[in-house]
Amino acid sequence: MNATRAARPATGEQKVLATYECDEGTRQLVGQRIDGRVALSDIPAGDHGTVYLIERHVPCKRELDGLVADYLALAVHLGRPPLRGDWILDR
């Protein structure tokens, strides 16, 4: 076995868990298994834009569902990706 190949993490296919619209256009929340753990990311639906890592080690399906629901609710409230660095919540 090639040592380089053994050092690479085993990754599964990305699965779109949700889609939302915001000031940047259409974005998707995707889950992907990496070395047996699930990572959750916010990615642009098109070819351009910033990718945000929401959580890299989601321990269970229930927590994944909760993260997706909370993130989507905040995205709708803000009208933009919640992890974008230029935001301040208005009260």
N, C-alpha and C. Protein backbone atom coordinates (compact mmCIF):
# COMPACT_ATOMS: atom_id res chain seq x y z
N MET A 1 0.85 -1.18 0.00
CA MET A 1 0.00 0.00 0.00
C MET A 1 0.89 1.24 0.00
N ASN A 2 0.48 2.24 -0.71
CA ASN A 2 1.18 3.51 -0.80
C ASN A 2 0.99 4.29 0.49
N ALA A 3 2.09 4.80 1.10
CA ALA A 3 2.00 5.54 2.37
C ALA A 3 1.19 6.82 2.22
N THR A 4 1.28 7.48 1.07
CA THR A 4 0.51 8.70 0.83
C THR A 4 -0.98 8.40 0.83
N ARG A 5 -1.35 7.32 0.19
CA ARG A 5 -2.77 6.94 0.14
C ARG A 5 -3.30 6.62 1.52
N ALA A 6 -2.52 5.95 2.35
CA ALA A 6 -2.95 5.58 3.68
C ALA A 6 -3.15 6.81 4.58
N ALA A 7 -2.41 7.90 4.32
CA ALA A 7 -2.49 9.10 5.15
C ALA A 7 -3.71 9.96 4.82
N ARG A 8 -4.32 9.77 3.67
CA ARG A 8 -5.49 10.56 3.28
C ARG A 8 -6.73 10.10 4.02
N PRO A 9 -7.55 11.04 4.46
CA PRO A 9 -8.78 10.63 5.14
C PRO A 9 -9.78 10.01 4.16
N ALA A 10 -10.54 9.05 4.63
CA ALA A 10 -11.60 8.45 3.83
C ALA A 10 -12.77 9.42 3.80
N THR A 11 -13.20 9.81 2.61
CA THR A 11 -14.30 10.78 2.50
C THR A 11 -15.45 10.17 1.71
N GLY A 12 -16.65 10.50 2.14
CA GLY A 12 -17.85 10.08 1.43
C GLY A 12 -18.33 11.20 0.52
N GLU A 13 -19.37 10.92 -0.20
CA GLU A 13 -19.98 11.92 -1.08
C GLU A 13 -20.66 13.00 -0.26
N GLN A 14 -20.65 14.22 -0.77
CA GLN A 14 -21.39 15.29 -0.13
C GLN A 14 -22.89 15.06 -0.34
N LYS A 15 -23.67 15.34 0.70
CA LYS A 15 -25.12 15.20 0.61
C LYS A 15 -25.75 16.55 0.95
N VAL A 16 -26.57 17.08 0.05
CA VAL A 16 -27.25 18.35 0.31
C VAL A 16 -28.37 18.08 1.31
N LEU A 17 -28.29 18.77 2.45
CA LEU A 17 -29.28 18.60 3.52
C LEU A 17 -30.34 19.68 3.51
N ALA A 18 -30.00 20.86 2.98
CA ALA A 18 -30.94 21.98 2.92
C ALA A 18 -30.40 23.01 1.94
N THR A 19 -31.32 23.85 1.46
CA THR A 19 -30.99 24.95 0.55
C THR A 19 -31.68 26.20 1.07
N TYR A 20 -31.01 27.35 0.93
CA TYR A 20 -31.65 28.60 1.32
C TYR A 20 -31.20 29.73 0.40
N GLU A 21 -32.01 30.78 0.36
CA GLU A 21 -31.73 31.98 -0.43
C GLU A 21 -31.27 33.09 0.51
N CYS A 22 -30.30 33.88 0.05
CA CYS A 22 -29.83 35.01 0.85
C CYS A 22 -29.28 36.08 -0.08
N ASP A 23 -28.66 37.10 0.49
CA ASP A 23 -28.12 38.19 -0.32
C ASP A 23 -27.01 37.74 -1.27
N GLU A 24 -26.45 36.58 -1.06
CA GLU A 24 -25.41 36.03 -1.93
C GLU A 24 -25.97 35.08 -3.00
N GLY A 25 -27.27 34.86 -2.97
CA GLY A 25 -27.89 33.92 -3.90
C GLY A 25 -28.26 32.63 -3.19
N THR A 26 -28.31 31.56 -3.93
CA THR A 26 -28.68 30.26 -3.38
C THR A 26 -27.47 29.59 -2.73
N ARG A 27 -27.69 29.09 -1.52
CA ARG A 27 -26.63 28.39 -0.80
C ARG A 27 -27.16 27.04 -0.32
N GLN A 28 -26.25 26.12 -0.05
CA GLN A 28 -26.63 24.78 0.38
C GLN A 28 -25.90 24.39 1.66
N LEU A 29 -26.59 23.68 2.51
CA LEU A 29 -25.95 23.06 3.66
C LEU A 29 -25.68 21.61 3.27
N VAL A 30 -24.42 21.22 3.34
CA VAL A 30 -24.05 19.87 2.92
C VAL A 30 -23.36 19.12 4.06
N GLY A 31 -23.65 17.86 4.14
CA GLY A 31 -22.99 16.97 5.08
C GLY A 31 -22.07 16.05 4.31
N GLN A 32 -20.95 15.70 4.94
CA GLN A 32 -20.00 14.79 4.30
C GLN A 32 -19.28 14.01 5.40
N ARG A 33 -19.21 12.70 5.21
CA ARG A 33 -18.50 11.86 6.17
C ARG A 33 -17.01 11.88 5.82
N ILE A 34 -16.19 12.22 6.82
CA ILE A 34 -14.74 12.26 6.65
C ILE A 34 -14.13 11.49 7.80
N ASP A 35 -13.43 10.41 7.47
CA ASP A 35 -12.84 9.52 8.49
C ASP A 35 -13.86 9.09 9.53
N GLY A 36 -15.06 8.77 9.09
CA GLY A 36 -16.09 8.25 9.98
C GLY A 36 -16.87 9.30 10.75
N ARG A 37 -16.53 10.57 10.58
CA ARG A 37 -17.23 11.65 11.26
C ARG A 37 -17.92 12.53 10.23
N VAL A 38 -19.01 13.16 10.65
CA VAL A 38 -19.78 14.00 9.72
C VAL A 38 -19.38 15.46 9.90
N ALA A 39 -19.09 16.12 8.78
CA ALA A 39 -18.82 17.56 8.75
C ALA A 39 -20.01 18.23 8.08
N LEU A 40 -20.36 19.42 8.58
CA LEU A 40 -21.47 20.21 8.03
C LEU A 40 -20.91 21.52 7.51
N SER A 41 -21.20 21.84 6.25
CA SER A 41 -20.69 23.06 5.63
C SER A 41 -21.81 23.83 4.94
N ASP A 42 -21.59 25.13 4.79
CA ASP A 42 -22.48 26.03 4.06
C ASP A 42 -21.71 26.43 2.79
N ILE A 43 -22.22 26.02 1.63
CA ILE A 43 -21.51 26.26 0.38
C ILE A 43 -22.40 26.99 -0.62
N PRO A 44 -21.80 27.75 -1.54
CA PRO A 44 -22.61 28.37 -2.58
C PRO A 44 -23.13 27.29 -3.53
N ALA A 45 -24.33 27.49 -4.06
CA ALA A 45 -24.90 26.53 -5.00
C ALA A 45 -24.19 26.60 -6.35
N GLY A 46 -23.63 27.77 -6.68
CA GLY A 46 -22.91 27.94 -7.94
C GLY A 46 -21.42 27.71 -7.76
N ASP A 47 -20.67 28.21 -8.72
CA ASP A 47 -19.22 27.99 -8.72
C ASP A 47 -18.43 29.04 -7.94
N HIS A 48 -19.07 30.11 -7.50
CA HIS A 48 -18.34 31.20 -6.85
C HIS A 48 -18.92 31.49 -5.48
N GLY A 49 -18.05 31.85 -4.55
CA GLY A 49 -18.49 32.22 -3.22
C GLY A 49 -17.66 31.53 -2.16
N THR A 50 -17.90 31.92 -0.95
CA THR A 50 -17.15 31.41 0.19
C THR A 50 -17.80 30.16 0.75
N VAL A 51 -16.97 29.22 1.18
CA VAL A 51 -17.44 28.01 1.85
C VAL A 51 -17.21 28.20 3.34
N TYR A 52 -18.25 27.92 4.14
CA TYR A 52 -18.16 28.05 5.59
C TYR A 52 -18.29 26.67 6.23
N LEU A 53 -17.33 26.30 7.07
CA LEU A 53 -17.42 25.07 7.84
C LEU A 53 -18.23 25.37 9.10
N ILE A 54 -19.39 24.76 9.22
CA ILE A 54 -20.27 24.99 10.36
C ILE A 54 -19.81 24.14 11.55
N GLU A 55 -19.57 22.87 11.31
CA GLU A 55 -19.13 21.94 12.36
C GLU A 55 -18.38 20.81 11.70
N ARG A 56 -17.26 20.41 12.26
CA ARG A 56 -16.48 19.35 11.61
C ARG A 56 -16.66 17.97 12.21
N HIS A 57 -17.23 17.87 13.40
CA HIS A 57 -17.45 16.57 14.03
C HIS A 57 -18.84 16.52 14.65
N VAL A 58 -19.85 16.28 13.84
CA VAL A 58 -21.22 16.18 14.36
C VAL A 58 -21.40 14.75 14.90
N PRO A 59 -21.69 14.62 16.19
CA PRO A 59 -21.69 13.30 16.81
C PRO A 59 -22.88 12.39 16.48
N CYS A 60 -24.05 12.97 16.15
CA CYS A 60 -25.20 12.11 15.90
C CYS A 60 -26.20 12.81 14.97
N LYS A 61 -27.13 12.03 14.44
CA LYS A 61 -28.12 12.53 13.50
C LYS A 61 -29.02 13.59 14.15
N ARG A 62 -29.38 13.38 15.39
CA ARG A 62 -30.24 14.35 16.09
C ARG A 62 -29.55 15.71 16.19
N GLU A 63 -28.26 15.72 16.51
CA GLU A 63 -27.53 16.98 16.59
C GLU A 63 -27.37 17.60 15.20
N LEU A 64 -27.15 16.79 14.18
CA LEU A 64 -27.07 17.29 12.81
C LEU A 64 -28.37 17.97 12.41
N ASP A 65 -29.49 17.32 12.68
CA ASP A 65 -30.79 17.91 12.36
C ASP A 65 -31.01 19.24 13.09
N GLY A 66 -30.60 19.30 14.36
CA GLY A 66 -30.74 20.52 15.13
C GLY A 66 -29.86 21.65 14.60
N LEU A 67 -28.62 21.32 14.25
CA LEU A 67 -27.72 22.33 13.67
C LEU A 67 -28.28 22.89 12.37
N VAL A 68 -28.77 22.01 11.50
CA VAL A 68 -29.33 22.45 10.22
C VAL A 68 -30.53 23.37 10.46
N ALA A 69 -31.44 22.97 11.34
CA ALA A 69 -32.64 23.77 11.60
C ALA A 69 -32.27 25.14 12.19
N ASP A 70 -31.39 25.17 13.17
CA ASP A 70 -30.99 26.44 13.79
C ASP A 70 -30.26 27.34 12.81
N TYR A 71 -29.37 26.77 12.01
CA TYR A 71 -28.59 27.54 11.04
C TYR A 71 -29.52 28.15 9.99
N LEU A 72 -30.46 27.36 9.49
CA LEU A 72 -31.40 27.87 8.49
C LEU A 72 -32.27 28.99 9.05
N ALA A 73 -32.73 28.84 10.28
CA ALA A 73 -33.55 29.88 10.90
C ALA A 73 -32.75 31.18 11.03
N LEU A 74 -31.51 31.08 11.42
CA LEU A 74 -30.67 32.27 11.55
C LEU A 74 -30.37 32.88 10.18
N ALA A 75 -30.15 32.05 9.17
CA ALA A 75 -29.91 32.55 7.81
C ALA A 75 -31.11 33.33 7.29
N VAL A 76 -32.30 32.83 7.55
CA VAL A 76 -33.53 33.52 7.12
C VAL A 76 -33.66 34.85 7.87
N HIS A 77 -33.40 34.82 9.16
CA HIS A 77 -33.49 36.04 9.97
C HIS A 77 -32.50 37.11 9.49
N LEU A 78 -31.28 36.70 9.20
CA LEU A 78 -30.23 37.65 8.81
C LEU A 78 -30.27 38.01 7.32
N GLY A 79 -30.76 37.10 6.49
CA GLY A 79 -30.76 37.32 5.05
C GLY A 79 -29.38 37.15 4.42
N ARG A 80 -28.51 36.43 5.11
CA ARG A 80 -27.14 36.18 4.63
C ARG A 80 -26.59 34.96 5.36
N PRO A 81 -25.43 34.44 4.93
CA PRO A 81 -24.86 33.31 5.64
C PRO A 81 -24.49 33.71 7.08
N PRO A 82 -24.96 32.98 8.07
CA PRO A 82 -24.69 33.35 9.46
C PRO A 82 -23.21 33.41 9.83
N LEU A 83 -22.37 32.68 9.18
CA LEU A 83 -20.96 32.66 9.54
C LEU A 83 -20.13 33.74 8.83
N ARG A 84 -20.75 34.52 7.98
CA ARG A 84 -20.01 35.60 7.33
C ARG A 84 -19.51 36.56 8.40
N GLY A 85 -18.27 37.00 8.30
CA GLY A 85 -17.62 37.75 9.36
C GLY A 85 -18.03 39.19 9.54
N ASP A 86 -18.87 39.74 8.69
CA ASP A 86 -19.17 41.18 8.75
C ASP A 86 -20.52 41.49 9.37
N TRP A 87 -21.01 40.67 10.26
CA TRP A 87 -22.38 40.86 10.72
C TRP A 87 -22.48 41.31 12.18
N ILE A 88 -23.55 41.98 12.44
CA ILE A 88 -23.95 42.38 13.78
C ILE A 88 -25.46 42.20 13.85
N LEU A 89 -25.94 41.52 14.87
CA LEU A 89 -27.39 41.34 15.00
C LEU A 89 -28.04 42.64 15.43
N ASP A 90 -29.09 43.01 14.73
CA ASP A 90 -29.87 44.17 15.13
C ASP A 90 -30.91 43.72 16.15
N ARG A 91 -31.11 44.54 17.13
CA ARG A 91 -32.10 44.19 18.17
C ARG A 91 -33.28 45.10 18.07
